[in-house]
């Protein structure tokens, strides 16, 4: 009586199962490197590395060869995982930037010690903004996703499906290119005027100019001035600068004098008369002593003694020339004003 051989069939089944696992491992190695696939392959390799039975002993060379090639493939995939142009940025810096934006938006102040700073770095790549193109099915008016098949009616995207934004023709592209070139040329020609506030190398008067239109003279900035008008006190005619004789009335031939009114009036600035005016009949001049150059009171008659040298006013005492005088502060008026301000003081409450 012969005994059956139950161990032959399970051994063949186990051998086929081991070959299938080996083929699947080879497929995963030659696939495109991905983080999830690497994790799955490592987990699968760890599970297959454990000895299940003694029947796996006939083929020890294939798992050993696969185990020797696995570290090299992992190193290659790790090197390829870092894209070109990537910059390492710490997570703490990213969190700090987000906190600043939130604080500027909602008016909240964040302190660095209030949160736990994350560790590690992340990779960032600066990319130019791209235009998102949306397509719509022309049958059911549903939007397409990442694929070319409509999620509602399973219609394959065709040329009838609308595109947003629509595709530009060659003529439209050329017109847009020409418009951009023209705009760049105009911006270059009509560049904004940027003022320079560095006056260290400028000696003399600073002249501010503005380019005028074609064929005209450049505009020069000048401070505003008051237009002064003088009328003849005899005939009330305006004395212009373009008259036949300077400072002479064209109607009656009267020369401009101290009695001719001035618009606007500036007697406080010119108490001794306006420059280049002839002596008037009504205007009372001021004379000074020809010995000590002390001024006599206004309208002082001949024979008045000088307050400084006791010289009597004579015909040799000249008239004070018309000139601009700075405002004079009377000390008596200043003392009176100070006394009034002292009387307005209020005790502290």
C-alpha atoms as a PDB file:
ATOM      1  CA  UNK A   1       0.000   0.000   0.000  1.00  0.00           C
ATOM      2  CA  UNK A   2       1.550   3.212  -1.212  1.00  0.00           C
ATOM      3  CA  UNK A   3       1.220   6.535   0.553  1.00  0.00           C
ATOM      4  CA  UNK A   4       0.056   9.681  -1.379  1.00  0.00           C
ATOM      5  CA  UNK A   5       2.381  12.620  -1.995  1.00  0.00           C
ATOM      6  CA  UNK A   6       0.484  15.637  -0.679  1.00  0.00           C
ATOM      7  CA  UNK A   7       3.561  17.919  -0.527  1.00  0.00           C
ATOM      8  CA  UNK A   8       4.166  18.149  -4.321  1.00  0.00           C
ATOM      9  CA  UNK A   9       1.119  20.235  -5.312  1.00  0.00           C
ATOM     10  CA  UNK A  10       1.417  22.829  -2.519  1.00  0.00           C
ATOM     11  CA  UNK A  11       5.105  23.234  -3.324  1.00  0.00           C
ATOM     12  CA  UNK A  12       4.326  24.036  -6.995  1.00  0.00           C
ATOM     13  CA  UNK A  13       1.598  26.487  -5.907  1.00  0.00           C
ATOM     14  CA  UNK A  14       3.961  28.230  -3.536  1.00  0.00           C
ATOM     15  CA  UNK A  15       6.621  28.422  -6.258  1.00  0.00           C
ATOM     16  CA  UNK A  16       4.185  30.104  -8.710  1.00  0.00           C
ATOM     17  CA  UNK A  17       3.052  32.480  -6.016  1.00  0.00           C
ATOM     18  CA  UNK A  18       6.663  33.494  -5.344  1.00  0.00           C
ATOM     19  CA  UNK A  19       7.290  34.098  -9.070  1.00  0.00           C
ATOM     20  CA  UNK A  20       4.183  36.299  -9.273  1.00  0.00           C
ATOM     21  CA  UNK A  21       5.401  38.372  -6.402  1.00  0.00           C
ATOM     22  CA  UNK A  22       8.789  38.689  -8.069  1.00  0.00           C
ATOM     23  CA  UNK A  23       7.209  39.938 -11.309  1.00  0.00           C
ATOM     24  CA  UNK A  24       5.078  42.478  -9.426  1.00  0.00           C
ATOM     25  CA  UNK A  25       8.182  43.725  -7.634  1.00  0.00           C
ATOM     26  CA  UNK A  26       9.975  44.163 -10.951  1.00  0.00           C
ATOM     27  CA  UNK A  27       7.033  46.155 -12.344  1.00  0.00           C
ATOM     28  CA  UNK A  28       6.993  48.496  -9.372  1.00  0.00           C
ATOM     29  CA  UNK A  29      10.729  49.145  -9.709  1.00  0.00           C
ATOM     30  CA  UNK A  30      10.494  50.217 -13.372  1.00  0.00           C
ATOM     31  CA  UNK A  31       7.429  52.417 -12.793  1.00  0.00           C
ATOM     32  CA  UNK A  32       7.626  56.234 -12.477  1.00  0.00           C
ATOM     33  CA  UNK A  33       8.941  57.068  -8.985  1.00  0.00           C
ATOM     34  CA  UNK A  34       6.213  58.212  -6.608  1.00  0.00           C
ATOM     35  CA  UNK A  35       6.087  58.584  -2.863  1.00  0.00           C
ATOM     36  CA  UNK A  36       3.080  56.313  -2.412  1.00  0.00           C
ATOM     37  CA  UNK A  37       4.447  53.614  -4.730  1.00  0.00           C
ATOM     38  CA  UNK A  38       7.785  53.599  -2.885  1.00  0.00           C
ATOM     39  CA  UNK A  39       6.020  53.173   0.434  1.00  0.00           C
ATOM     40  CA  UNK A  40       3.890  50.351  -0.982  1.00  0.00           C
ATOM     41  CA  UNK A  41       6.927  48.604  -2.494  1.00  0.00           C
ATOM     42  CA  UNK A  42       8.892  48.780   0.755  1.00  0.00           C
ATOM     43  CA  UNK A  43       5.954  47.402   2.731  1.00  0.00           C
ATOM     44  CA  UNK A  44       5.502  44.590   0.200  1.00  0.00           C
ATOM     45  CA  UNK A  45       9.225  43.796   0.255  1.00  0.00           C
ATOM     46  CA  UNK A  46       9.166  43.588   4.035  1.00  0.00           C
ATOM     47  CA  UNK A  47       6.240  41.160   3.955  1.00  0.00           C
ATOM     48  CA  UNK A  48       7.851  38.923   1.345  1.00  0.00           C
ATOM     49  CA  UNK A  49      11.222  38.910   3.101  1.00  0.00           C
ATOM     50  CA  UNK A  50       9.787  36.935   6.033  1.00  0.00           C
ATOM     51  CA  UNK A  51      10.174  33.152   5.557  1.00  0.00           C
ATOM     52  CA  UNK A  52       6.754  31.507   5.339  1.00  0.00           C
ATOM     53  CA  UNK A  53       7.842  27.911   4.875  1.00  0.00           C
ATOM     54  CA  UNK A  54      10.779  25.739   3.982  1.00  0.00           C
ATOM     55  CA  UNK A  55       9.586  25.451   0.358  1.00  0.00           C
ATOM     56  CA  UNK A  56      10.923  28.940  -0.528  1.00  0.00           C
ATOM     57  CA  UNK A  57      14.529  27.705  -0.229  1.00  0.00           C
ATOM     58  CA  UNK A  58      15.023  26.546  -3.893  1.00  0.00           C
ATOM     59  CA  UNK A  59      15.194  30.178  -5.229  1.00  0.00           C
ATOM     60  CA  UNK A  60      17.248  32.233  -2.774  1.00  0.00           C
ATOM     61  CA  UNK A  61      19.200  34.131  -5.457  1.00  0.00           C
ATOM     62  CA  UNK A  62      16.266  36.173  -6.893  1.00  0.00           C
ATOM     63  CA  UNK A  63      15.089  37.777  -3.594  1.00  0.00           C
ATOM     64  CA  UNK A  64      18.690  38.496  -2.648  1.00  0.00           C
ATOM     65  CA  UNK A  65      19.327  40.201  -5.990  1.00  0.00           C
ATOM     66  CA  UNK A  66      16.109  42.225  -5.649  1.00  0.00           C
ATOM     67  CA  UNK A  67      17.017  43.256  -2.083  1.00  0.00           C
ATOM     68  CA  UNK A  68      20.433  44.446  -3.298  1.00  0.00           C
ATOM     69  CA  UNK A  69      18.918  46.634  -6.060  1.00  0.00           C
ATOM     70  CA  UNK A  70      16.191  48.139  -3.837  1.00  0.00           C
ATOM     71  CA  UNK A  71      18.446  50.631  -1.936  1.00  0.00           C
ATOM     72  CA  UNK A  72      19.966  51.963  -5.173  1.00  0.00           C
ATOM     73  CA  UNK A  73      16.523  52.596  -6.688  1.00  0.00           C
ATOM     74  CA  UNK A  74      15.391  54.369  -3.504  1.00  0.00           C
ATOM     75  CA  UNK A  75      18.430  56.676  -3.643  1.00  0.00           C
ATOM     76  CA  UNK A  76      17.774  57.500  -7.305  1.00  0.00           C
ATOM     77  CA  UNK A  77      14.104  58.268  -6.664  1.00  0.00           C
ATOM     78  CA  UNK A  78      14.984  60.482  -3.686  1.00  0.00           C
ATOM     79  CA  UNK A  79      17.428  62.477  -5.816  1.00  0.00           C
ATOM     80  CA  UNK A  80      14.856  62.896  -8.606  1.00  0.00           C
ATOM     81  CA  UNK A  81      12.116  63.895  -6.176  1.00  0.00           C
ATOM     82  CA  UNK A  82      13.625  67.418  -5.664  1.00  0.00           C
ATOM     83  CA  UNK A  83      12.610  69.522  -8.693  1.00  0.00           C
ATOM     84  CA  UNK A  84      14.832  72.140 -10.264  1.00  0.00           C
ATOM     85  CA  UNK A  85      14.567  75.668  -8.915  1.00  0.00           C
ATOM     86  CA  UNK A  86      13.150  74.558  -5.569  1.00  0.00           C
ATOM     87  CA  UNK A  87      14.091  76.613  -2.538  1.00  0.00           C
ATOM     88  CA  UNK A  88      14.018  75.321   1.019  1.00  0.00           C
ATOM     89  CA  UNK A  89      11.879  77.438   3.309  1.00  0.00           C
ATOM     90  CA  UNK A  90      11.442  76.737   7.005  1.00  0.00           C
ATOM     91  CA  UNK A  91       7.957  76.022   8.261  1.00  0.00           C
ATOM     92  CA  UNK A  92       8.407  78.550  11.075  1.00  0.00           C
ATOM     93  CA  UNK A  93       8.982  81.310   8.514  1.00  0.00           C
ATOM     94  CA  UNK A  94       5.821  80.344   6.609  1.00  0.00           C
ATOM     95  CA  UNK A  95       3.802  80.353   9.816  1.00  0.00           C
ATOM     96  CA  UNK A  96       5.191  83.777  10.753  1.00  0.00           C
ATOM     97  CA  UNK A  97       4.198  85.208   7.352  1.00  0.00           C
ATOM     98  CA  UNK A  98       0.673  83.843   7.727  1.00  0.00           C
ATOM     99  CA  UNK A  99       0.408  85.354  11.204  1.00  0.00           C
ATOM    100  CA  UNK A 100       1.462  88.769   9.875  1.00  0.00           C
ATOM    101  CA  UNK A 101      -1.127  88.648   7.085  1.00  0.00           C
ATOM    102  CA  UNK A 102      -3.884  87.641   9.502  1.00  0.00           C
ATOM    103  CA  UNK A 103      -2.856  90.383  11.916  1.00  0.00           C
ATOM    104  CA  UNK A 104      -2.876  93.017   9.160  1.00  0.00           C
ATOM    105  CA  UNK A 105      -6.273  91.847   7.932  1.00  0.00           C
ATOM    106  CA  UNK A 106      -8.139  91.484  11.219  1.00  0.00           C
ATOM    107  CA  UNK A 107      -6.098  93.793  13.457  1.00  0.00           C
ATOM    108  CA  UNK A 108      -4.797  91.033  15.736  1.00  0.00           C
ATOM    109  CA  UNK A 109      -1.304  90.916  17.204  1.00  0.00           C
ATOM    110  CA  UNK A 110       0.370  87.513  17.349  1.00  0.00           C
ATOM    111  CA  UNK A 111       3.367  86.809  19.541  1.00  0.00           C
ATOM    112  CA  UNK A 112       5.958  84.211  18.566  1.00  0.00           C
ATOM    113  CA  UNK A 113       5.773  82.512  21.971  1.00  0.00           C
ATOM    114  CA  UNK A 114       2.006  81.943  21.697  1.00  0.00           C
ATOM    115  CA  UNK A 115       2.240  79.107  19.188  1.00  0.00           C
ATOM    116  CA  UNK A 116       4.485  76.087  18.828  1.00  0.00           C
ATOM    117  CA  UNK A 117       6.914  76.644  15.965  1.00  0.00           C
ATOM    118  CA  UNK A 118       6.933  73.665  13.551  1.00  0.00           C
ATOM    119  CA  UNK A 119      10.191  72.019  12.609  1.00  0.00           C
ATOM    120  CA  UNK A 120      11.573  71.089   9.222  1.00  0.00           C
ATOM    121  CA  UNK A 121      11.721  72.712   5.807  1.00  0.00           C
ATOM    122  CA  UNK A 122       9.481  72.688   2.755  1.00  0.00           C
ATOM    123  CA  UNK A 123      10.287  73.115  -0.933  1.00  0.00           C
ATOM    124  CA  UNK A 124       8.905  76.080  -2.825  1.00  0.00           C
ATOM    125  CA  UNK A 125       9.098  76.895  -6.536  1.00  0.00           C
ATOM    126  CA  UNK A 126       8.279  80.318  -7.965  1.00  0.00           C
ATOM    127  CA  UNK A 127       6.053  79.790 -10.996  1.00  0.00           C
ATOM    128  CA  UNK A 128       4.430  82.311 -13.272  1.00  0.00           C
ATOM    129  CA  UNK A 129       0.616  82.507 -13.068  1.00  0.00           C
ATOM    130  CA  UNK A 130      -1.139  80.395 -15.658  1.00  0.00           C
ATOM    131  CA  UNK A 131      -4.544  80.909 -17.226  1.00  0.00           C
ATOM    132  CA  UNK A 132      -7.117  78.290 -16.260  1.00  0.00           C
ATOM    133  CA  UNK A 133      -9.147  77.000 -19.192  1.00  0.00           C
ATOM    134  CA  UNK A 134     -12.662  75.684 -18.514  1.00  0.00           C
ATOM    135  CA  UNK A 135     -14.576  73.544 -21.006  1.00  0.00           C
ATOM    136  CA  UNK A 136     -18.306  72.870 -21.071  1.00  0.00           C
ATOM    137  CA  UNK A 137     -20.128  69.952 -22.642  1.00  0.00           C
ATOM    138  CA  UNK A 138     -22.296  71.045 -25.588  1.00  0.00           C
ATOM    139  CA  UNK A 139     -24.863  68.326 -24.871  1.00  0.00           C
ATOM    140  CA  UNK A 140     -25.636  68.655 -21.163  1.00  0.00           C
ATOM    141  CA  UNK A 141     -23.878  71.975 -20.409  1.00  0.00           C
ATOM    142  CA  UNK A 142     -21.806  70.345 -17.661  1.00  0.00           C
ATOM    143  CA  UNK A 143     -18.246  71.306 -16.916  1.00  0.00           C
ATOM    144  CA  UNK A 144     -15.394  68.938 -17.683  1.00  0.00           C
ATOM    145  CA  UNK A 145     -13.013  67.914 -14.967  1.00  0.00           C
ATOM    146  CA  UNK A 146      -9.396  66.934 -15.326  1.00  0.00           C
ATOM    147  CA  UNK A 147     -10.261  64.267 -17.905  1.00  0.00           C
ATOM    148  CA  UNK A 148     -11.712  64.491 -21.407  1.00  0.00           C
ATOM    149  CA  UNK A 149     -14.982  62.731 -20.535  1.00  0.00           C
ATOM    150  CA  UNK A 150     -18.101  64.537 -19.321  1.00  0.00           C
ATOM    151  CA  UNK A 151     -18.981  63.444 -15.758  1.00  0.00           C
ATOM    152  CA  UNK A 152     -22.743  63.710 -16.464  1.00  0.00           C
ATOM    153  CA  UNK A 153     -23.370  62.228 -19.916  1.00  0.00           C
ATOM    154  CA  UNK A 154     -19.964  60.565 -20.471  1.00  0.00           C
ATOM    155  CA  UNK A 155     -19.530  62.492 -23.706  1.00  0.00           C
ATOM    156  CA  UNK A 156     -15.956  62.693 -24.960  1.00  0.00           C
ATOM    157  CA  UNK A 157     -14.786  66.252 -25.382  1.00  0.00           C
ATOM    158  CA  UNK A 158     -14.963  67.472 -28.955  1.00  0.00           C
ATOM    159  CA  UNK A 159     -14.545  70.731 -30.895  1.00  0.00           C
ATOM    160  CA  UNK A 160     -18.207  71.652 -30.359  1.00  0.00           C
ATOM    161  CA  UNK A 161     -17.716  71.855 -26.603  1.00  0.00           C
ATOM    162  CA  UNK A 162     -17.374  75.480 -25.564  1.00  0.00           C
ATOM    163  CA  UNK A 163     -14.060  76.786 -24.279  1.00  0.00           C
ATOM    164  CA  UNK A 164     -13.720  79.599 -21.749  1.00  0.00           C
ATOM    165  CA  UNK A 165     -11.837  81.794 -22.494  1.00  0.00           C
ATOM    166  CA  UNK A 166     -12.254  81.218 -26.240  1.00  0.00           C
ATOM    167  CA  UNK A 167      -9.184  80.440 -28.265  1.00  0.00           C
ATOM    168  CA  UNK A 168      -7.713  83.435 -30.072  1.00  0.00           C
ATOM    169  CA  UNK A 169      -7.096  83.442 -33.776  1.00  0.00           C
ATOM    170  CA  UNK A 170      -3.787  84.361 -35.375  1.00  0.00           C
ATOM    171  CA  UNK A 171      -5.100  87.833 -36.253  1.00  0.00           C
ATOM    172  CA  UNK A 172      -6.197  88.453 -32.656  1.00  0.00           C
ATOM    173  CA  UNK A 173      -2.826  87.283 -31.337  1.00  0.00           C
ATOM    174  CA  UNK A 174      -1.012  89.605 -33.739  1.00  0.00           C
ATOM    175  CA  UNK A 175      -3.266  92.530 -32.757  1.00  0.00           C
ATOM    176  CA  UNK A 176      -2.643  91.885 -29.053  1.00  0.00           C
ATOM    177  CA  UNK A 177       1.110  91.689 -29.662  1.00  0.00           C
ATOM    178  CA  UNK A 178       1.042  94.977 -31.597  1.00  0.00           C
ATOM    179  CA  UNK A 179      -1.024  96.620 -28.854  1.00  0.00           C
ATOM    180  CA  UNK A 180       1.480  95.558 -26.192  1.00  0.00           C
ATOM    181  CA  UNK A 181       4.423  96.863 -28.222  1.00  0.00           C
ATOM    182  CA  UNK A 182       2.667 100.203 -28.784  1.00  0.00           C
ATOM    183  CA  UNK A 183       1.837 100.509 -25.090  1.00  0.00           C
ATOM    184  CA  UNK A 184       5.440  99.754 -24.114  1.00  0.00           C
ATOM    185  CA  UNK A 185       6.689 102.356 -26.597  1.00  0.00           C
ATOM    186  CA  UNK A 186       4.298 105.013 -25.243  1.00  0.00           C
ATOM    187  CA  UNK A 187       5.327 104.295 -21.657  1.00  0.00           C
ATOM    188  CA  UNK A 188       8.972 104.613 -22.625  1.00  0.00           C
ATOM    189  CA  UNK A 189       8.478 107.904 -24.472  1.00  0.00           C
ATOM    190  CA  UNK A 190       6.096 109.456 -21.926  1.00  0.00           C
ATOM    191  CA  UNK A 191       7.875 108.269 -18.816  1.00  0.00           C
ATOM    192  CA  UNK A 192       6.765 109.915 -15.556  1.00  0.00           C
ATOM    193  CA  UNK A 193       8.837 112.783 -14.234  1.00  0.00           C
ATOM    194  CA  UNK A 194      10.519 111.660 -11.025  1.00  0.00           C
ATOM    195  CA  UNK A 195      11.749 114.650  -9.036  1.00  0.00           C
ATOM    196  CA  UNK A 196      15.213 114.542  -7.541  1.00  0.00           C
ATOM    197  CA  UNK A 197      15.658 116.002  -4.077  1.00  0.00           C
ATOM    198  CA  UNK A 198      19.450 115.833  -4.062  1.00  0.00           C
ATOM    199  CA  UNK A 199      20.610 119.466  -4.212  1.00  0.00           C
ATOM    200  CA  UNK A 200      24.204 118.824  -3.173  1.00  0.00           C
ATOM    201  CA  UNK A 201      25.649 119.207  -6.696  1.00  0.00           C
ATOM    202  CA  UNK A 202      23.470 122.170  -7.691  1.00  0.00           C
ATOM    203  CA  UNK A 203      24.990 125.616  -7.306  1.00  0.00           C
ATOM    204  CA  UNK A 204      22.891 128.691  -7.898  1.00  0.00           C
ATOM    205  CA  UNK A 205      19.199 128.986  -8.691  1.00  0.00           C
ATOM    206  CA  UNK A 206      17.184 125.803  -9.125  1.00  0.00           C
ATOM    207  CA  UNK A 207      15.061 125.934 -12.280  1.00  0.00           C
ATOM    208  CA  UNK A 208      12.173 123.499 -12.610  1.00  0.00           C
ATOM    209  CA  UNK A 209      11.245 122.819 -16.226  1.00  0.00           C
ATOM    210  CA  UNK A 210       8.441 120.902 -17.855  1.00  0.00           C
ATOM    211  CA  UNK A 211       8.597 119.680 -21.452  1.00  0.00           C
ATOM    212  CA  UNK A 212       6.062 121.467 -23.621  1.00  0.00           C
ATOM    213  CA  UNK A 213       4.271 120.286 -26.727  1.00  0.00           C
ATOM    214  CA  UNK A 214       5.972 119.938 -30.079  1.00  0.00           C
ATOM    215  CA  UNK A 215       7.214 123.269 -31.374  1.00  0.00           C
ATOM    216  CA  UNK A 216       6.824 125.205 -28.121  1.00  0.00           C
ATOM    217  CA  UNK A 217       9.281 126.380 -25.516  1.00  0.00           C
ATOM    218  CA  UNK A 218       9.692 124.383 -22.324  1.00  0.00           C
ATOM    219  CA  UNK A 219       7.628 125.622 -19.412  1.00  0.00           C
ATOM    220  CA  UNK A 220       9.561 127.082 -16.486  1.00  0.00           C
ATOM    221  CA  UNK A 221       8.068 127.145 -13.005  1.00  0.00           C
ATOM    222  CA  UNK A 222       8.012 130.571 -11.413  1.00  0.00           C
ATOM    223  CA  UNK A 223       6.575 131.494  -8.019  1.00  0.00           C
ATOM    224  CA  UNK A 224       3.359 133.521  -8.102  1.00  0.00           C
ATOM    225  CA  UNK A 225       3.796 137.280  -7.970  1.00  0.00           C
ATOM    226  CA  UNK A 226       1.412 140.081  -7.067  1.00  0.00           C
ATOM    227  CA  UNK A 227       0.508 142.379  -9.951  1.00  0.00           C
ATOM    228  CA  UNK A 228       1.133 145.950  -8.811  1.00  0.00           C
ATOM    229  CA  UNK A 229      -0.884 148.746 -10.459  1.00  0.00           C
ATOM    230  CA  UNK A 230      -0.176 152.444 -10.114  1.00  0.00           C
ATOM    231  CA  UNK A 231      -2.719 155.084 -11.132  1.00  0.00           C
ATOM    232  CA  UNK A 232      -2.027 158.729 -11.797  1.00  0.00           C
ATOM    233  CA  UNK A 233      -3.458 160.837  -8.962  1.00  0.00           C
ATOM    234  CA  UNK A 234      -4.118 163.726 -11.379  1.00  0.00           C
ATOM    235  CA  UNK A 235      -6.232 161.971 -14.053  1.00  0.00           C
ATOM    236  CA  UNK A 236      -6.704 158.515 -12.485  1.00  0.00           C
ATOM    237  CA  UNK A 237      -5.149 156.794 -15.524  1.00  0.00           C
ATOM    238  CA  UNK A 238      -3.304 153.499 -15.194  1.00  0.00           C
ATOM    239  CA  UNK A 239       0.445 153.959 -15.560  1.00  0.00           C
ATOM    240  CA  UNK A 240       1.696 151.021 -17.603  1.00  0.00           C
ATOM    241  CA  UNK A 241       5.216 149.732 -18.016  1.00  0.00           C
ATOM    242  CA  UNK A 242       5.020 150.043 -21.794  1.00  0.00           C
ATOM    243  CA  UNK A 243       4.515 153.799 -21.865  1.00  0.00           C
ATOM    244  CA  UNK A 244       6.584 156.100 -24.054  1.00  0.00           C
ATOM    245  CA  UNK A 245       8.510 157.363 -21.025  1.00  0.00           C
ATOM    246  CA  UNK A 246       9.188 155.181 -17.982  1.00  0.00           C
ATOM    247  CA  UNK A 247       6.967 155.844 -14.952  1.00  0.00           C
ATOM    248  CA  UNK A 248       5.037 158.555 -16.797  1.00  0.00           C
ATOM    249  CA  UNK A 249       1.296 158.889 -17.428  1.00  0.00           C
ATOM    250  CA  UNK A 250       0.429 158.713 -21.155  1.00  0.00           C
ATOM    251  CA  UNK A 251      -2.713 160.820 -20.713  1.00  0.00           C
ATOM    252  CA  UNK A 252      -1.386 163.898 -18.892  1.00  0.00           C
ATOM    253  CA  UNK A 253       2.391 163.362 -18.887  1.00  0.00           C
ATOM    254  CA  UNK A 254       2.575 163.395 -15.088  1.00  0.00           C
ATOM    255  CA  UNK A 255       5.535 161.603 -13.585  1.00  0.00           C
ATOM    256  CA  UNK A 256       4.738 159.048 -10.939  1.00  0.00           C
ATOM    257  CA  UNK A 257       5.080 160.522  -7.451  1.00  0.00           C
ATOM    258  CA  UNK A 258       4.428 159.591  -3.833  1.00  0.00           C
ATOM    259  CA  UNK A 259       0.800 160.742  -4.111  1.00  0.00           C
ATOM    260  CA  UNK A 260      -0.063 158.268  -6.898  1.00  0.00           C
ATOM    261  CA  UNK A 261      -2.030 155.406  -5.296  1.00  0.00           C
ATOM    262  CA  UNK A 262      -0.737 151.877  -5.382  1.00  0.00           C
ATOM    263  CA  UNK A 263      -2.816 148.694  -5.622  1.00  0.00           C
ATOM    264  CA  UNK A 264      -2.351 146.818  -3.357  1.00  0.00           C
ATOM    265  CA  UNK A 265      -1.314 149.374  -0.780  1.00  0.00           C
ATOM    266  CA  UNK A 266       1.984 148.733   1.066  1.00  0.00           C
ATOM    267  CA  UNK A 267       2.564 151.843   3.201  1.00  0.00           C
ATOM    268  CA  UNK A 268       3.520 149.716   6.191  1.00  0.00           C
ATOM    269  CA  UNK A 269       6.356 148.102   4.257  1.00  0.00           C
ATOM    270  CA  UNK A 270       7.422 151.370   2.608  1.00  0.00           C
ATOM    271  CA  UNK A 271       6.863 154.104   5.241  1.00  0.00           C
ATOM    272  CA  UNK A 272       9.332 156.506   3.542  1.00  0.00           C
ATOM    273  CA  UNK A 273       7.671 156.230   0.119  1.00  0.00           C
ATOM    274  CA  UNK A 274       7.868 153.846  -2.838  1.00  0.00           C
ATOM    275  CA  UNK A 275      11.156 153.480  -4.717  1.00  0.00           C
ATOM    276  CA  UNK A 276      11.724 155.499  -7.936  1.00  0.00           C
ATOM    277  CA  UNK A 277       8.876 157.933  -7.098  1.00  0.00           C
ATOM    278  CA  UNK A 278       9.078 161.691  -7.315  1.00  0.00           C
ATOM    279  CA  UNK A 279       8.294 163.755  -4.171  1.00  0.00           C
ATOM    280  CA  UNK A 280       4.573 164.423  -3.857  1.00  0.00           C
ATOM    281  CA  UNK A 281       2.710 167.469  -2.585  1.00  0.00           C
ATOM    282  CA  UNK A 282       0.544 165.618  -0.069  1.00  0.00           C
ATOM    283  CA  UNK A 283       3.076 163.025   1.085  1.00  0.00           C
ATOM    284  CA  UNK A 284       5.027 164.017   4.206  1.00  0.00           C
ATOM    285  CA  UNK A 285       8.654 162.782   3.941  1.00  0.00           C
ATOM    286  CA  UNK A 286      11.125 161.932   6.716  1.00  0.00           C
ATOM    287  CA  UNK A 287      14.530 163.651   6.940  1.00  0.00           C
ATOM    288  CA  UNK A 288      17.684 162.663   8.806  1.00  0.00           C
ATOM    289  CA  UNK A 289      20.509 164.610  10.399  1.00  0.00           C
ATOM    290  CA  UNK A 290      23.479 165.020   8.078  1.00  0.00           C
ATOM    291  CA  UNK A 291      25.922 164.902  11.015  1.00  0.00           C
ATOM    292  CA  UNK A 292      24.842 161.848  13.033  1.00  0.00           C
ATOM    293  CA  UNK A 293      22.342 160.330  10.542  1.00  0.00           C
ATOM    294  CA  UNK A 294      19.580 160.316  13.151  1.00  0.00           C
ATOM    295  CA  UNK A 295      16.034 160.500  11.795  1.00  0.00           C
ATOM    296  CA  UNK A 296      13.860 163.479  12.561  1.00  0.00           C
ATOM    297  CA  UNK A 297      10.167 162.980  13.346  1.00  0.00           C
ATOM    298  CA  UNK A 298       7.840 162.913  10.369  1.00  0.00           C
ATOM    299  CA  UNK A 299       6.885 166.419   9.261  1.00  0.00           C
ATOM    300  CA  UNK A 300       9.530 168.138  11.430  1.00  0.00           C
ATOM    301  CA  UNK A 301      10.055 171.769  10.402  1.00  0.00           C
ATOM    302  CA  UNK A 302      13.412 173.422   9.815  1.00  0.00           C
ATOM    303  CA  UNK A 303      15.140 174.347  13.074  1.00  0.00           C
ATOM    304  CA  UNK A 304      14.098 171.212  14.964  1.00  0.00           C
ATOM    305  CA  UNK A 305      16.907 169.937  17.175  1.00  0.00           C
ATOM    306  CA  UNK A 306      18.317 166.456  16.682  1.00  0.00           C
ATOM    307  CA  UNK A 307      17.633 164.135  19.622  1.00  0.00           C
ATOM    308  CA  UNK A 308      21.181 162.798  19.540  1.00  0.00           C
ATOM    309  CA  UNK A 309      23.576 165.631  18.656  1.00  0.00           C
ATOM    310  CA  UNK A 310      21.326 168.717  19.191  1.00  0.00           C
ATOM    311  CA  UNK A 311      21.871 169.777  15.585  1.00  0.00           C
ATOM    312  CA  UNK A 312      19.065 171.879  14.164  1.00  0.00           C
ATOM    313  CA  UNK A 313      17.417 170.691  11.004  1.00  0.00           C
ATOM    314  CA  UNK A 314      18.649 172.590   7.959  1.00  0.00           C
ATOM    315  CA  UNK A 315      18.486 172.394   4.196  1.00  0.00           C
ATOM    316  CA  UNK A 316      21.528 170.089   4.151  1.00  0.00           C
ATOM    317  CA  UNK A 317      19.663 167.361   6.052  1.00  0.00           C
ATOM    318  CA  UNK A 318      18.670 164.913   3.295  1.00  0.00           C
ATOM    319  CA  UNK A 319      15.450 163.013   2.918  1.00  0.00           C
ATOM    320  CA  UNK A 320      15.425 159.342   3.883  1.00  0.00           C
ATOM    321  CA  UNK A 321      15.468 157.289   0.693  1.00  0.00           C
ATOM    322  CA  UNK A 322      12.376 155.156   0.029  1.00  0.00           C
ATOM    323  CA  UNK A 323      13.117 151.560   0.939  1.00  0.00           C
ATOM    324  CA  UNK A 324      11.473 148.509   2.380  1.00  0.00           C
ATOM    325  CA  UNK A 325      11.450 148.364   6.183  1.00  0.00           C
ATOM    326  CA  UNK A 326      10.968 145.266   8.293  1.00  0.00           C
ATOM    327  CA  UNK A 327       8.141 145.455  10.833  1.00  0.00           C
ATOM    328  CA  UNK A 328       9.299 147.091  14.053  1.00  0.00           C
ATOM    329  CA  UNK A 329       8.073 145.781  17.382  1.00  0.00           C
ATOM    330  CA  UNK A 330       7.352 148.564  19.815  1.00  0.00           C
ATOM    331  CA  UNK A 331       8.685 147.573  23.280  1.00  0.00           C
ATOM    332  CA  UNK A 332       5.868 149.461  25.018  1.00  0.00           C
ATOM    333  CA  UNK A 333       3.274 147.515  23.058  1.00  0.00           C
ATOM    334  CA  UNK A 334       5.052 144.253  23.863  1.00  0.00           C
ATOM    335  CA  UNK A 335       5.026 144.997  27.596  1.00  0.00           C
ATOM    336  CA  UNK A 336       1.339 145.842  27.444  1.00  0.00           C
ATOM    337  CA  UNK A 337       0.618 142.589  25.626  1.00  0.00           C
ATOM    338  CA  UNK A 338       2.590 140.564  28.185  1.00  0.00           C
ATOM    339  CA  UNK A 339       0.657 142.188  31.034  1.00  0.00           C
ATOM    340  CA  UNK A 340      -2.637 141.293  29.392  1.00  0.00           C
ATOM    341  CA  UNK A 341      -1.540 137.672  28.902  1.00  0.00           C
ATOM    342  CA  UNK A 342      -0.449 137.462  32.550  1.00  0.00           C
ATOM    343  CA  UNK A 343      -3.886 138.638  33.660  1.00  0.00           C
ATOM    344  CA  UNK A 344      -5.560 135.882  31.619  1.00  0.00           C
ATOM    345  CA  UNK A 345      -3.824 133.040  33.485  1.00  0.00           C
ATOM    346  CA  UNK A 346      -6.157 130.600  35.191  1.00  0.00           C
ATOM    347  CA  UNK A 347      -5.231 128.595  38.287  1.00  0.00           C
ATOM    348  CA  UNK A 348      -4.813 124.881  37.856  1.00  0.00           C
ATOM    349  CA  UNK A 349      -7.989 122.985  38.630  1.00  0.00           C
END
